[in-house]
Amino acid sequence: MQAALEIRGLKKAFRAPDGTSSPVLDIAELDLASGEHAALRGSSGSGKTTLLHLIAGILVADSGSVRIAGRDMSARSESERDRARAAVLGYVFQSFNLLQGFTALENVALAMHFGRGADVQHAKSLLERVGLGARLHYKPRQLSIGQQQRVAVARALAGRPALVLADEPTGNLDRVRADESLALIREVCREHGAALLVVSHDELVLSKFERVIDLAAINKAAAHSGAGA
């Protein structure tokens, strides 16, 4: 079975104001099987978000490769990465990144445009699945933090991705809602057959995963990392 995620020789450094290069990530190998759920542990500033952005093609690596469901996300132009990301990847951002001028339904439907094309019925069904069937036409400011996150989860699953990334998805929630949200993300991913990589520094979140990847253990640049979240 094809892996959901394959990383090989991935390196990223950021240039400091004085011109010196500061290595953030140097990962020889990281794989995630199709349908597998795993968590990524890392302290603040260890490069967790940088890694997710490299996987998603939001950032470009200095060297190495990232393949999602067999698609090379590295050797592509920005527009090609945008299309590939829409086709194979879902992303639950820590700050949600919802479009404030659009409704919940529009936010989810718009996420499909770069992939298979907008499917309003599928968008509705996803929002109903996450308990927002009565909030389809509400804008983000009219929704609670928990409800906004549910929109973000529905949007991440809209393109039927092979892989979903979730960056500190429980960071803005109390413990009860955090547990509910994580369970929802995992359940919806299972229903759609998507692999899931959750980034967290919360030990209670990490304890819910059979596989926990320690970023410091796989990152050769860890001793020098001082940038990126």
C-alpha atoms as a PDB file:
ATOM      1  CA  MET A   1       0.000   0.000   0.000  1.00  0.00           C
ATOM      2  CA  GLN A   2       1.282   3.476  -0.906  1.00  0.00           C
ATOM      3  CA  ALA A   3       2.503   5.575   2.028  1.00  0.00           C
ATOM      4  CA  ALA A   4       0.551   8.720   2.873  1.00  0.00           C
ATOM      5  CA  LEU A   5       3.770  10.598   3.682  1.00  0.00           C
ATOM      6  CA  GLU A   6       7.402   9.979   2.735  1.00  0.00           C
ATOM      7  CA  ILE A   7      10.155  12.389   3.784  1.00  0.00           C
ATOM      8  CA  ARG A   8      13.764  11.903   2.714  1.00  0.00           C
ATOM      9  CA  GLY A   9      16.791  14.089   3.488  1.00  0.00           C
ATOM     10  CA  LEU A  10      14.689  17.150   4.360  1.00  0.00           C
ATOM     11  CA  LYS A  11      16.695  20.238   5.342  1.00  0.00           C
ATOM     12  CA  LYS A  12      15.644  23.794   6.105  1.00  0.00           C
ATOM     13  CA  ALA A  13      17.602  26.736   7.493  1.00  0.00           C
ATOM     14  CA  PHE A  14      16.615  30.356   8.029  1.00  0.00           C
ATOM     15  CA  ARG A  15      18.900  33.313   7.501  1.00  0.00           C
ATOM     16  CA  ALA A  16      19.422  35.603  10.486  1.00  0.00           C
ATOM     17  CA  PRO A  17      19.540  39.417  10.142  1.00  0.00           C
ATOM     18  CA  ASP A  18      23.335  39.285  10.396  1.00  0.00           C
ATOM     19  CA  GLY A  19      23.468  36.985   7.381  1.00  0.00           C
ATOM     20  CA  THR A  20      24.314  33.793   9.227  1.00  0.00           C
ATOM     21  CA  SER A  21      22.378  30.628   8.441  1.00  0.00           C
ATOM     22  CA  SER A  22      20.468  28.989  11.288  1.00  0.00           C
ATOM     23  CA  PRO A  23      19.565  25.290  10.648  1.00  0.00           C
ATOM     24  CA  VAL A  24      16.054  24.409  11.808  1.00  0.00           C
ATOM     25  CA  LEU A  25      15.338  20.978  10.328  1.00  0.00           C
ATOM     26  CA  ASP A  26      17.507  18.114   9.128  1.00  0.00           C
ATOM     27  CA  ILE A  27      15.376  14.978   8.907  1.00  0.00           C
ATOM     28  CA  ALA A  28      16.829  11.928   7.193  1.00  0.00           C
ATOM     29  CA  GLU A  29      13.613   9.937   6.977  1.00  0.00           C
ATOM     30  CA  LEU A  30       9.996  10.035   8.156  1.00  0.00           C
ATOM     31  CA  ASP A  31       7.101   7.913   6.859  1.00  0.00           C
ATOM     32  CA  LEU A  32       3.411   7.757   7.651  1.00  0.00           C
ATOM     33  CA  ALA A  33       1.380   4.831   6.363  1.00  0.00           C
ATOM     34  CA  SER A  34      -1.898   5.248   4.532  1.00  0.00           C
ATOM     35  CA  GLY A  35      -4.667   5.758   7.112  1.00  0.00           C
ATOM     36  CA  GLU A  36      -2.189   5.923  10.018  1.00  0.00           C
ATOM     37  CA  HIS A  37      -2.708   8.407  12.863  1.00  0.00           C
ATOM     38  CA  ALA A  38       0.385   9.763  14.601  1.00  0.00           C
ATOM     39  CA  ALA A  39       1.363  12.661  16.835  1.00  0.00           C
ATOM     40  CA  LEU A  40       4.458  14.820  16.606  1.00  0.00           C
ATOM     41  CA  ARG A  41       5.969  16.031  19.868  1.00  0.00           C
ATOM     42  CA  GLY A  42       8.210  19.075  20.093  1.00  0.00           C
ATOM     43  CA  SER A  43       8.957  22.002  22.355  1.00  0.00           C
ATOM     44  CA  SER A  44       8.207  25.592  21.393  1.00  0.00           C
ATOM     45  CA  GLY A  45      10.673  26.751  18.750  1.00  0.00           C
ATOM     46  CA  SER A  46      11.714  23.230  17.769  1.00  0.00           C
ATOM     47  CA  GLY A  47      10.456  23.508  14.173  1.00  0.00           C
ATOM     48  CA  LYS A  48       7.089  21.715  14.387  1.00  0.00           C
ATOM     49  CA  THR A  49       5.124  24.246  12.364  1.00  0.00           C
ATOM     50  CA  THR A  50       8.041  24.670   9.952  1.00  0.00           C
ATOM     51  CA  LEU A  51       7.908  20.923   9.299  1.00  0.00           C
ATOM     52  CA  LEU A  52       4.168  21.020   8.642  1.00  0.00           C
ATOM     53  CA  HIS A  53       4.623  23.949   6.260  1.00  0.00           C
ATOM     54  CA  LEU A  54       7.346  22.050   4.403  1.00  0.00           C
ATOM     55  CA  ILE A  55       5.112  18.973   4.129  1.00  0.00           C
ATOM     56  CA  ALA A  56       2.275  21.153   2.829  1.00  0.00           C
ATOM     57  CA  GLY A  57       4.488  22.989   0.357  1.00  0.00           C
ATOM     58  CA  ILE A  58       3.814  26.345   2.009  1.00  0.00           C
ATOM     59  CA  LEU A  59       7.564  26.586   2.595  1.00  0.00           C
ATOM     60  CA  VAL A  60      10.206  25.230   0.232  1.00  0.00           C
ATOM     61  CA  ALA A  61      12.956  23.007   1.634  1.00  0.00           C
ATOM     62  CA  ASP A  62      16.619  23.749   1.016  1.00  0.00           C
ATOM     63  CA  SER A  63      17.070  20.103   0.005  1.00  0.00           C
ATOM     64  CA  GLY A  64      15.353  16.740   0.266  1.00  0.00           C
ATOM     65  CA  SER A  65      11.935  15.498  -0.772  1.00  0.00           C
ATOM     66  CA  VAL A  66       8.381  15.276   0.534  1.00  0.00           C
ATOM     67  CA  ARG A  67       5.922  12.890  -1.113  1.00  0.00           C
ATOM     68  CA  ILE A  68       2.231  12.753  -0.213  1.00  0.00           C
ATOM     69  CA  ALA A  69       0.341   9.765  -1.613  1.00  0.00           C
ATOM     70  CA  GLY A  70       3.122   9.390  -4.164  1.00  0.00           C
ATOM     71  CA  ARG A  71       3.114  13.041  -5.249  1.00  0.00           C
ATOM     72  CA  ASP A  72       6.392  14.903  -4.917  1.00  0.00           C
ATOM     73  CA  MET A  73       5.595  18.204  -3.184  1.00  0.00           C
ATOM     74  CA  SER A  74       9.186  19.446  -3.453  1.00  0.00           C
ATOM     75  CA  ALA A  75      10.029  19.693  -7.152  1.00  0.00           C
ATOM     76  CA  ARG A  76       7.086  21.887  -8.124  1.00  0.00           C
ATOM     77  CA  SER A  77       6.337  25.533  -8.798  1.00  0.00           C
ATOM     78  CA  GLU A  78       4.221  27.472  -6.304  1.00  0.00           C
ATOM     79  CA  SER A  79       1.068  27.099  -8.404  1.00  0.00           C
ATOM     80  CA  GLU A  80       1.720  23.365  -8.859  1.00  0.00           C
ATOM     81  CA  ARG A  81       2.185  22.983  -5.101  1.00  0.00           C
ATOM     82  CA  ASP A  82      -1.127  24.781  -4.540  1.00  0.00           C
ATOM     83  CA  ARG A  83      -2.929  22.340  -6.833  1.00  0.00           C
ATOM     84  CA  ALA A  84      -1.188  19.289  -5.384  1.00  0.00           C
ATOM     85  CA  ARG A  85      -1.947  20.435  -1.845  1.00  0.00           C
ATOM     86  CA  ALA A  86      -5.632  20.822  -2.681  1.00  0.00           C
ATOM     87  CA  ALA A  87      -5.701  17.332  -4.201  1.00  0.00           C
ATOM     88  CA  VAL A  88      -3.992  15.294  -1.469  1.00  0.00           C
ATOM     89  CA  LEU A  89      -3.693  17.344   1.726  1.00  0.00           C
ATOM     90  CA  GLY A  90      -5.928  18.824   4.409  1.00  0.00           C
ATOM     91  CA  TYR A  91      -4.593  21.303   6.971  1.00  0.00           C
ATOM     92  CA  VAL A  92      -6.165  22.319  10.289  1.00  0.00           C
ATOM     93  CA  PHE A  93      -4.246  25.480  11.154  1.00  0.00           C
ATOM     94  CA  GLN A  94      -3.706  26.460  14.768  1.00  0.00           C
ATOM     95  CA  SER A  95      -5.349  29.842  14.102  1.00  0.00           C
ATOM     96  CA  PHE A  96      -7.946  28.221  11.764  1.00  0.00           C
ATOM     97  CA  ASN A  97      -7.249  30.719   8.896  1.00  0.00           C
ATOM     98  CA  LEU A  98     -10.941  30.995   8.005  1.00  0.00           C
ATOM     99  CA  LEU A  99     -11.970  33.682   5.523  1.00  0.00           C
ATOM    100  CA  GLN A 100     -13.791  36.191   7.717  1.00  0.00           C
ATOM    101  CA  GLY A 101     -16.014  37.595   4.972  1.00  0.00           C
ATOM    102  CA  PHE A 102     -17.416  34.187   3.992  1.00  0.00           C
ATOM    103  CA  THR A 103     -19.876  31.827   5.632  1.00  0.00           C
ATOM    104  CA  ALA A 104     -18.985  28.431   7.055  1.00  0.00           C
ATOM    105  CA  LEU A 105     -20.382  26.762   3.932  1.00  0.00           C
ATOM    106  CA  GLU A 106     -18.469  29.104   1.632  1.00  0.00           C
ATOM    107  CA  ASN A 107     -15.221  28.521   3.534  1.00  0.00           C
ATOM    108  CA  VAL A 108     -15.537  24.769   3.056  1.00  0.00           C
ATOM    109  CA  ALA A 109     -16.732  24.939  -0.562  1.00  0.00           C
ATOM    110  CA  LEU A 110     -13.971  27.368  -1.567  1.00  0.00           C
ATOM    111  CA  ALA A 111     -11.371  24.913  -0.273  1.00  0.00           C
ATOM    112  CA  MET A 112     -12.397  22.500  -3.035  1.00  0.00           C
ATOM    113  CA  HIS A 113     -11.786  24.854  -5.965  1.00  0.00           C
ATOM    114  CA  PHE A 114      -8.119  23.978  -6.490  1.00  0.00           C
ATOM    115  CA  GLY A 115      -8.833  20.251  -6.223  1.00  0.00           C
ATOM    116  CA  ARG A 116     -11.786  18.322  -7.599  1.00  0.00           C
ATOM    117  CA  GLY A 117     -13.969  21.426  -7.814  1.00  0.00           C
ATOM    118  CA  ALA A 118     -16.574  22.831  -5.442  1.00  0.00           C
ATOM    119  CA  ASP A 119     -19.230  20.378  -4.298  1.00  0.00           C
ATOM    120  CA  VAL A 120     -21.717  22.276  -2.159  1.00  0.00           C
ATOM    121  CA  GLN A 121     -23.595  19.135  -1.127  1.00  0.00           C
ATOM    122  CA  HIS A 122     -20.387  17.518   0.091  1.00  0.00           C
ATOM    123  CA  ALA A 123     -19.507  20.722   1.965  1.00  0.00           C
ATOM    124  CA  LYS A 124     -22.938  20.705   3.620  1.00  0.00           C
ATOM    125  CA  SER A 125     -22.629  17.046   4.585  1.00  0.00           C
ATOM    126  CA  LEU A 126     -19.233  17.652   6.194  1.00  0.00           C
ATOM    127  CA  LEU A 127     -20.527  20.608   8.204  1.00  0.00           C
ATOM    128  CA  GLU A 128     -23.519  18.541   9.299  1.00  0.00           C
ATOM    129  CA  ARG A 129     -21.119  15.751  10.256  1.00  0.00           C
ATOM    130  CA  VAL A 130     -19.222  18.109  12.581  1.00  0.00           C
ATOM    131  CA  GLY A 131     -22.444  19.399  14.138  1.00  0.00           C
ATOM    132  CA  LEU A 132     -22.820  22.670  12.221  1.00  0.00           C
ATOM    133  CA  GLY A 133     -25.795  21.890  10.011  1.00  0.00           C
ATOM    134  CA  ALA A 134     -27.675  24.798  11.590  1.00  0.00           C
ATOM    135  CA  ARG A 135     -24.733  27.199  11.166  1.00  0.00           C
ATOM    136  CA  LEU A 136     -24.053  26.842   7.439  1.00  0.00           C
ATOM    137  CA  HIS A 137     -24.593  30.536   6.724  1.00  0.00           C
ATOM    138  CA  TYR A 138     -22.851  31.931   9.802  1.00  0.00           C
ATOM    139  CA  LYS A 139     -19.611  33.855   9.347  1.00  0.00           C
ATOM    140  CA  PRO A 140     -16.610  33.051  11.583  1.00  0.00           C
ATOM    141  CA  ARG A 141     -17.220  36.028  13.893  1.00  0.00           C
ATOM    142  CA  GLN A 142     -20.707  34.647  14.585  1.00  0.00           C
ATOM    143  CA  LEU A 143     -19.286  31.297  15.706  1.00  0.00           C
ATOM    144  CA  SER A 144     -17.594  30.248  18.931  1.00  0.00           C
ATOM    145  CA  ILE A 145     -13.926  29.214  18.921  1.00  0.00           C
ATOM    146  CA  GLY A 146     -14.968  25.556  19.046  1.00  0.00           C
ATOM    147  CA  GLN A 147     -17.381  26.019  16.151  1.00  0.00           C
ATOM    148  CA  GLN A 148     -14.744  27.814  14.085  1.00  0.00           C
ATOM    149  CA  GLN A 149     -12.434  24.873  14.630  1.00  0.00           C
ATOM    150  CA  ARG A 150     -15.145  22.518  13.419  1.00  0.00           C
ATOM    151  CA  VAL A 151     -15.402  24.556  10.230  1.00  0.00           C
ATOM    152  CA  ALA A 152     -11.624  24.247   9.880  1.00  0.00           C
ATOM    153  CA  VAL A 153     -11.860  20.467  10.313  1.00  0.00           C
ATOM    154  CA  ALA A 154     -14.621  20.219   7.687  1.00  0.00           C
ATOM    155  CA  ARG A 155     -12.567  22.382   5.321  1.00  0.00           C
ATOM    156  CA  ALA A 156      -9.503  20.178   5.808  1.00  0.00           C
ATOM    157  CA  LEU A 157     -11.517  17.091   4.807  1.00  0.00           C
ATOM    158  CA  ALA A 158     -13.345  18.779   1.935  1.00  0.00           C
ATOM    159  CA  GLY A 159     -10.984  17.578  -0.794  1.00  0.00           C
ATOM    160  CA  ARG A 160     -10.981  13.967   0.440  1.00  0.00           C
ATOM    161  CA  PRO A 161      -7.243  14.183   1.211  1.00  0.00           C
ATOM    162  CA  ALA A 162      -4.816  11.328   1.707  1.00  0.00           C
ATOM    163  CA  LEU A 163      -3.180  13.200   4.605  1.00  0.00           C
ATOM    164  CA  VAL A 164      -4.468  15.678   7.196  1.00  0.00           C
ATOM    165  CA  LEU A 165      -2.114  17.897   9.201  1.00  0.00           C
ATOM    166  CA  ALA A 166      -3.343  19.437  12.457  1.00  0.00           C
ATOM    167  CA  ASP A 167      -1.205  22.080  14.158  1.00  0.00           C
ATOM    168  CA  GLU A 168      -1.916  22.255  17.917  1.00  0.00           C
ATOM    169  CA  PRO A 169      -5.642  21.652  17.220  1.00  0.00           C
ATOM    170  CA  THR A 170      -6.549  21.695  20.927  1.00  0.00           C
ATOM    171  CA  GLY A 171      -4.459  24.724  21.900  1.00  0.00           C
ATOM    172  CA  ASN A 172      -7.394  27.175  22.026  1.00  0.00           C
ATOM    173  CA  LEU A 173      -9.826  24.864  23.826  1.00  0.00           C
ATOM    174  CA  ASP A 174     -10.530  23.799  27.399  1.00  0.00           C
ATOM    175  CA  ARG A 175      -9.846  20.180  28.327  1.00  0.00           C
ATOM    176  CA  VAL A 176     -13.353  18.839  27.675  1.00  0.00           C
ATOM    177  CA  ARG A 177     -13.655  20.550  24.297  1.00  0.00           C
ATOM    178  CA  ALA A 178     -10.069  19.618  23.464  1.00  0.00           C
ATOM    179  CA  ASP A 179     -10.841  15.920  23.968  1.00  0.00           C
ATOM    180  CA  GLU A 180     -14.039  16.210  21.944  1.00  0.00           C
ATOM    181  CA  SER A 181     -12.283  18.063  19.126  1.00  0.00           C
ATOM    182  CA  LEU A 182      -9.422  15.582  18.872  1.00  0.00           C
ATOM    183  CA  ALA A 183     -11.848  12.658  18.870  1.00  0.00           C
ATOM    184  CA  LEU A 184     -13.864  14.349  16.117  1.00  0.00           C
ATOM    185  CA  ILE A 185     -10.804  14.981  13.938  1.00  0.00           C
ATOM    186  CA  ARG A 186      -9.704  11.365  14.263  1.00  0.00           C
ATOM    187  CA  GLU A 187     -13.181   9.985  13.647  1.00  0.00           C
ATOM    188  CA  VAL A 188     -13.768  12.043  10.501  1.00  0.00           C
ATOM    189  CA  CYS A 189     -10.293  11.149   9.208  1.00  0.00           C
ATOM    190  CA  ARG A 190     -11.037   7.446   9.726  1.00  0.00           C
ATOM    191  CA  GLU A 191     -14.353   7.759   7.908  1.00  0.00           C
ATOM    192  CA  HIS A 192     -12.562   9.309   4.922  1.00  0.00           C
ATOM    193  CA  GLY A 193      -9.529   6.995   5.092  1.00  0.00           C
ATOM    194  CA  ALA A 194      -7.144   9.897   5.663  1.00  0.00           C
ATOM    195  CA  ALA A 195      -3.825   9.615   7.465  1.00  0.00           C
ATOM    196  CA  LEU A 196      -3.394  12.150  10.275  1.00  0.00           C
ATOM    197  CA  LEU A 197      -0.375  13.918  11.740  1.00  0.00           C
ATOM    198  CA  VAL A 198      -1.167  15.995  14.837  1.00  0.00           C
ATOM    199  CA  VAL A 199       1.397  18.402  16.247  1.00  0.00           C
ATOM    200  CA  SER A 200       1.162  19.002  19.984  1.00  0.00           C
ATOM    201  CA  HIS A 201       3.205  19.611  23.101  1.00  0.00           C
ATOM    202  CA  ASP A 202       0.250  18.563  25.315  1.00  0.00           C
ATOM    203  CA  GLU A 203       1.083  15.236  26.949  1.00  0.00           C
ATOM    204  CA  LEU A 204      -2.607  14.384  27.386  1.00  0.00           C
ATOM    205  CA  VAL A 205      -3.116  14.771  23.643  1.00  0.00           C
ATOM    206  CA  LEU A 206       0.014  12.777  22.862  1.00  0.00           C
ATOM    207  CA  SER A 207      -1.096   9.954  25.169  1.00  0.00           C
ATOM    208  CA  LYS A 208      -4.065   9.246  22.886  1.00  0.00           C
ATOM    209  CA  PHE A 209      -1.837   8.143  20.006  1.00  0.00           C
ATOM    210  CA  GLU A 210      -0.162   4.767  19.599  1.00  0.00           C
ATOM    211  CA  ARG A 211       2.641   6.381  17.618  1.00  0.00           C
ATOM    212  CA  VAL A 212       4.294   9.536  18.944  1.00  0.00           C
ATOM    213  CA  ILE A 213       7.192  10.976  16.951  1.00  0.00           C
ATOM    214  CA  ASP A 214       9.706  13.025  18.930  1.00  0.00           C
ATOM    215  CA  LEU A 215      10.930  15.783  16.632  1.00  0.00           C
ATOM    216  CA  ALA A 216      14.138  16.263  18.610  1.00  0.00           C
ATOM    217  CA  ALA A 217      14.973  12.578  18.135  1.00  0.00           C
ATOM    218  CA  ILE A 218      14.693  12.667  14.332  1.00  0.00           C
ATOM    219  CA  ASN A 219      15.991  16.194  13.750  1.00  0.00           C
ATOM    220  CA  LYS A 220      19.759  16.400  13.380  1.00  0.00           C
ATOM    221  CA  ALA A 221      19.525  20.184  13.533  1.00  0.00           C
ATOM    222  CA  ALA A 222      17.831  20.076  16.965  1.00  0.00           C
ATOM    223  CA  ALA A 223      20.962  21.189  18.811  1.00  0.00           C
ATOM    224  CA  HIS A 224      21.082  24.368  16.715  1.00  0.00           C
ATOM    225  CA  SER A 225      17.353  25.033  16.260  1.00  0.00           C
ATOM    226  CA  GLY A 226      16.192  28.384  17.500  1.00  0.00           C
ATOM    227  CA  ALA A 227      13.631  29.407  14.930  1.00  0.00           C
ATOM    228  CA  GLY A 228      10.250  28.174  13.867  1.00  0.00           C
ATOM    229  CA  ALA A 229       7.426  26.772  15.969  1.00  0.00           C
END
